[in-house]
Amino acid sequence: MEKRRIAVVSAGLSVPSSTRLLADRLTAATVAALRRRGVEAGDVTVEVVELREHARDLADNLVTGFANAELRPALDAVTGADGIIAVTPIFSASYSGLFKTFFDVVDKDALTGKPVLMGATAGTARHSLALEHAMRPLFAYLRTVVTPTAVFAASEDWGGAGEASHGLASRIERAAEELAELVAARPAARTADPFADAPSFEALLGGV
């Protein structure tokens, strides 16, 4: 069985963060769903990209046009993944500026065909439609394959074992199953070797 790589993009700003909590629950459910499809836990690599740690790096990238040494591994983790879990807090009825900036600096063709599970958090359920009117068009522009189910969590969804909490758990499981199905159905992503086409040392010495 080929190894699968899941990249988790979390745009939460606080520590601890409900955005990161949702991202972790989606990740655990996805790994479990992949295991049910024959992908062992040891064959799944998860890399979490905490965007708050790269806020200055992203600003530098916007200004210079180049990713620095701190940001480059985060970009590579996302563009080289077999599936992406992307979670943002909702501010002013849309994704956060930090979240948008990250996907602004990702090459617009690098995510073509990649499965994506979208998640969002906010203080009130009134922001839930931001997943459909803001996030889904963003990933459609990047030509990703977005799971039918997106997961929104408001403050009341985290409380105890009530109906709201049960509803969140159900949405997480359904979305994770959809992402796992998409990831398992695709050939494992290959990391491009930037030096693959470089001539050998012997060829250079021979003037080739």
Protein backbone atom coordinates (compact mmCIF):
# COMPACT_ATOMS: atom_id res chain seq x y z
CA MET A 1 0.00 0.00 0.00
CA GLU A 2 1.39 3.40 -1.00
CA LYS A 3 1.82 6.00 1.71
CA ARG A 4 -0.64 8.88 1.80
CA ARG A 5 0.08 12.41 2.92
CA ILE A 6 -2.53 14.66 4.49
CA ALA A 7 -1.79 18.37 4.87
CA VAL A 8 -3.78 20.24 7.51
CA VAL A 9 -4.00 24.03 7.16
CA SER A 10 -5.19 25.72 10.35
CA ALA A 11 -5.71 29.49 10.37
CA GLY A 12 -6.59 29.85 14.05
CA LEU A 13 -5.02 32.79 15.82
CA SER A 14 -5.32 31.89 19.49
CA VAL A 15 -3.77 29.15 21.62
CA PRO A 16 -5.72 26.98 22.21
CA SER A 17 -7.86 27.50 19.15
CA SER A 18 -11.28 26.08 18.26
CA THR A 19 -10.08 26.18 14.64
CA ARG A 20 -7.18 23.87 15.47
CA LEU A 21 -9.48 21.68 17.56
CA LEU A 22 -11.80 21.22 14.59
CA ALA A 23 -8.82 20.55 12.31
CA ASP A 24 -7.54 17.87 14.70
CA ARG A 25 -10.94 16.15 14.88
CA LEU A 26 -11.27 16.18 11.09
CA THR A 27 -7.76 14.77 10.77
CA ALA A 28 -8.34 11.94 13.25
CA ALA A 29 -11.62 11.02 11.53
CA THR A 30 -9.94 11.05 8.10
CA VAL A 31 -7.08 8.82 9.23
CA ALA A 32 -9.63 6.39 10.72
CA ALA A 33 -11.64 6.45 7.47
CA LEU A 34 -8.49 5.71 5.45
CA ARG A 35 -7.75 2.74 7.70
CA ARG A 36 -11.19 1.36 6.92
CA ARG A 37 -10.13 1.51 3.28
CA GLY A 38 -6.99 -0.51 3.87
CA VAL A 39 -4.52 2.33 4.44
CA GLU A 40 -2.75 1.54 7.71
CA ALA A 41 -2.08 4.33 10.20
CA GLY A 42 1.66 3.92 9.64
CA ASP A 43 1.14 4.63 5.94
CA VAL A 44 -0.55 7.99 6.57
CA THR A 45 1.63 11.04 7.14
CA VAL A 46 -0.06 14.12 8.60
CA GLU A 47 1.61 17.51 8.45
CA VAL A 48 -0.07 20.46 10.18
CA VAL A 49 0.57 23.99 8.92
CA GLU A 50 -0.25 26.56 11.61
CA LEU A 51 -0.61 29.76 9.63
CA ARG A 52 -0.23 32.07 12.64
CA GLU A 53 3.39 30.89 12.82
CA HIS A 54 3.95 32.13 9.26
CA ALA A 55 2.16 35.49 9.32
CA ARG A 56 5.35 37.52 8.72
CA ASP A 57 6.66 34.96 6.23
CA LEU A 58 3.47 35.29 4.19
CA ALA A 59 3.70 39.10 4.22
CA ASP A 60 7.31 38.86 3.01
CA ASN A 61 6.24 36.50 0.23
CA LEU A 62 3.58 38.95 -0.96
CA VAL A 63 6.14 41.75 -1.11
CA THR A 64 9.09 39.86 -2.56
CA GLY A 65 7.35 37.19 -4.60
CA PHE A 66 9.46 34.47 -3.00
CA ALA A 67 8.89 32.09 -0.09
CA ASN A 68 11.60 32.23 2.57
CA ALA A 69 13.21 29.19 4.19
CA GLU A 70 10.58 29.09 6.95
CA LEU A 71 7.57 29.25 4.63
CA ARG A 72 8.78 26.95 1.85
CA PRO A 73 8.29 23.65 3.81
CA ALA A 74 4.70 24.65 4.60
CA LEU A 75 3.94 25.34 0.95
CA ASP A 76 5.62 22.10 -0.10
CA ALA A 77 3.60 20.13 2.47
CA VAL A 78 0.34 21.41 1.00
CA THR A 79 1.24 21.17 -2.69
CA GLY A 80 2.74 17.69 -2.19
CA ALA A 81 -0.18 16.27 -0.20
CA ASP A 82 -2.64 13.62 -1.33
CA GLY A 83 -5.43 15.41 0.51
CA ILE A 84 -5.88 18.74 2.28
CA ILE A 85 -7.91 19.65 5.35
CA ALA A 86 -8.31 23.44 5.40
CA VAL A 87 -9.90 25.15 8.42
CA THR A 88 -10.31 28.85 9.07
CA PRO A 89 -12.07 31.09 11.57
CA ILE A 90 -14.78 33.23 10.00
CA PHE A 91 -14.31 37.00 10.31
CA SER A 92 -16.81 39.47 8.81
CA ALA A 93 -18.69 36.67 7.02
CA SER A 94 -15.65 35.26 5.22
CA TYR A 95 -12.40 33.36 5.73
CA SER A 96 -9.60 35.11 7.61
CA GLY A 97 -7.09 37.32 5.83
CA LEU A 98 -4.29 34.99 6.94
CA PHE A 99 -6.04 32.03 5.35
CA LYS A 100 -6.57 33.91 2.08
CA THR A 101 -2.97 35.13 2.03
CA PHE A 102 -1.64 31.59 2.31
CA PHE A 103 -3.65 30.39 -0.66
CA ASP A 104 -2.74 33.59 -2.54
CA VAL A 105 0.94 32.60 -2.45
CA VAL A 106 0.33 28.95 -3.39
CA ASP A 107 0.93 28.47 -7.10
CA LYS A 108 -2.50 28.61 -8.75
CA ASP A 109 -1.90 25.34 -10.62
CA ALA A 110 -0.28 23.39 -7.77
CA LEU A 111 -3.53 22.13 -6.23
CA THR A 112 -5.33 21.04 -9.39
CA GLY A 113 -7.32 17.87 -8.73
CA LYS A 114 -6.36 17.60 -5.05
CA PRO A 115 -9.10 16.52 -2.63
CA VAL A 116 -9.93 19.19 -0.06
CA LEU A 117 -12.09 19.06 3.06
CA MET A 118 -13.20 22.53 4.18
CA GLY A 119 -13.88 23.50 7.77
CA ALA A 120 -14.66 26.74 9.56
CA THR A 121 -15.35 28.03 13.06
CA ALA A 122 -17.17 31.08 14.40
CA GLY A 123 -18.97 32.32 17.46
CA THR A 124 -22.40 32.03 15.88
CA ALA A 125 -24.07 29.75 13.35
CA ARG A 126 -25.04 32.83 11.31
CA HIS A 127 -21.61 32.58 9.67
CA SER A 128 -22.07 29.01 8.46
CA LEU A 129 -22.87 29.97 4.85
CA ALA A 130 -19.36 31.43 4.50
CA LEU A 131 -18.23 27.90 3.67
CA GLU A 132 -20.37 27.97 0.54
CA HIS A 133 -20.25 31.59 -0.58
CA ALA A 134 -16.56 32.22 0.20
CA MET A 135 -14.48 29.08 0.75
CA ARG A 136 -15.95 26.82 -1.93
CA PRO A 137 -15.44 29.39 -4.73
CA LEU A 138 -11.82 29.85 -3.59
CA PHE A 139 -11.07 26.16 -3.94
CA ALA A 140 -13.05 25.96 -7.16
CA TYR A 141 -10.76 28.65 -8.58
CA LEU A 142 -7.75 26.56 -7.53
CA ARG A 143 -9.39 23.58 -9.33
CA THR A 144 -9.37 21.31 -6.33
CA VAL A 145 -11.90 18.54 -5.71
CA VAL A 146 -13.87 19.65 -2.65
CA THR A 147 -15.83 17.15 -0.57
CA PRO A 148 -19.61 17.62 -0.76
CA THR A 149 -19.76 18.01 3.03
CA ALA A 150 -18.07 21.02 4.61
CA VAL A 151 -17.92 21.28 8.41
CA PHE A 152 -18.85 24.40 10.35
CA ALA A 153 -18.59 24.62 14.13
CA ALA A 154 -20.12 27.42 16.15
CA SER A 155 -19.51 27.93 19.86
CA GLU A 156 -22.60 25.93 20.84
CA ASP A 157 -21.40 22.91 18.85
CA TRP A 158 -18.63 22.24 21.36
CA GLY A 159 -20.81 22.01 24.45
CA GLY A 160 -21.33 18.65 26.15
CA ALA A 161 -23.23 15.74 24.62
CA GLY A 162 -26.31 17.59 23.37
CA GLU A 163 -27.89 17.62 19.94
CA ALA A 164 -25.53 20.30 18.60
CA SER A 165 -22.44 18.34 19.68
CA HIS A 166 -23.84 15.15 18.16
CA GLY A 167 -24.58 17.01 14.93
CA LEU A 168 -20.99 18.24 14.70
CA ALA A 169 -19.63 14.73 15.27
CA SER A 170 -21.89 13.41 12.52
CA ARG A 171 -20.75 16.08 10.06
CA ILE A 172 -17.10 15.40 10.87
CA GLU A 173 -17.53 11.67 10.23
CA ARG A 174 -19.39 12.21 6.96
CA ALA A 175 -16.87 14.73 5.63
CA ALA A 176 -13.93 12.53 6.67
CA GLU A 177 -15.42 9.55 4.84
CA GLU A 178 -15.79 11.66 1.70
CA LEU A 179 -12.20 12.91 1.87
CA ALA A 180 -10.82 9.42 2.56
CA GLU A 181 -12.75 8.05 -0.42
CA LEU A 182 -11.26 10.70 -2.70
CA VAL A 183 -7.72 10.24 -1.36
CA ALA A 184 -7.81 6.43 -1.53
CA ALA A 185 -9.09 6.51 -5.11
CA ARG A 186 -6.18 8.63 -6.41
CA PRO A 187 -2.62 7.53 -7.09
CA ALA A 188 -0.32 8.69 -4.30
CA ALA A 189 1.18 12.11 -4.93
CA ARG A 190 4.75 12.18 -6.14
CA THR A 191 7.18 14.82 -4.96
CA ALA A 192 8.79 16.46 -7.95
CA ASP A 193 12.58 16.49 -7.95
CA PRO A 194 13.67 20.03 -8.90
CA PHE A 195 17.01 18.64 -10.09
CA ALA A 196 15.62 15.75 -12.11
CA ASP A 197 16.45 17.41 -15.43
CA ALA A 198 19.83 18.75 -14.37
CA PRO A 199 22.79 17.33 -16.32
CA SER A 200 25.13 15.02 -14.45
CA PHE A 201 28.57 16.11 -13.32
CA GLU A 202 30.13 13.83 -15.91
CA ALA A 203 28.01 15.40 -18.65
CA LEU A 204 29.08 18.87 -17.60
CA LEU A 205 32.74 17.86 -17.68
CA GLY A 206 32.21 16.37 -21.12
CA GLY A 207 30.67 19.58 -22.42
CA VAL A 208 27.23 18.04 -22.95
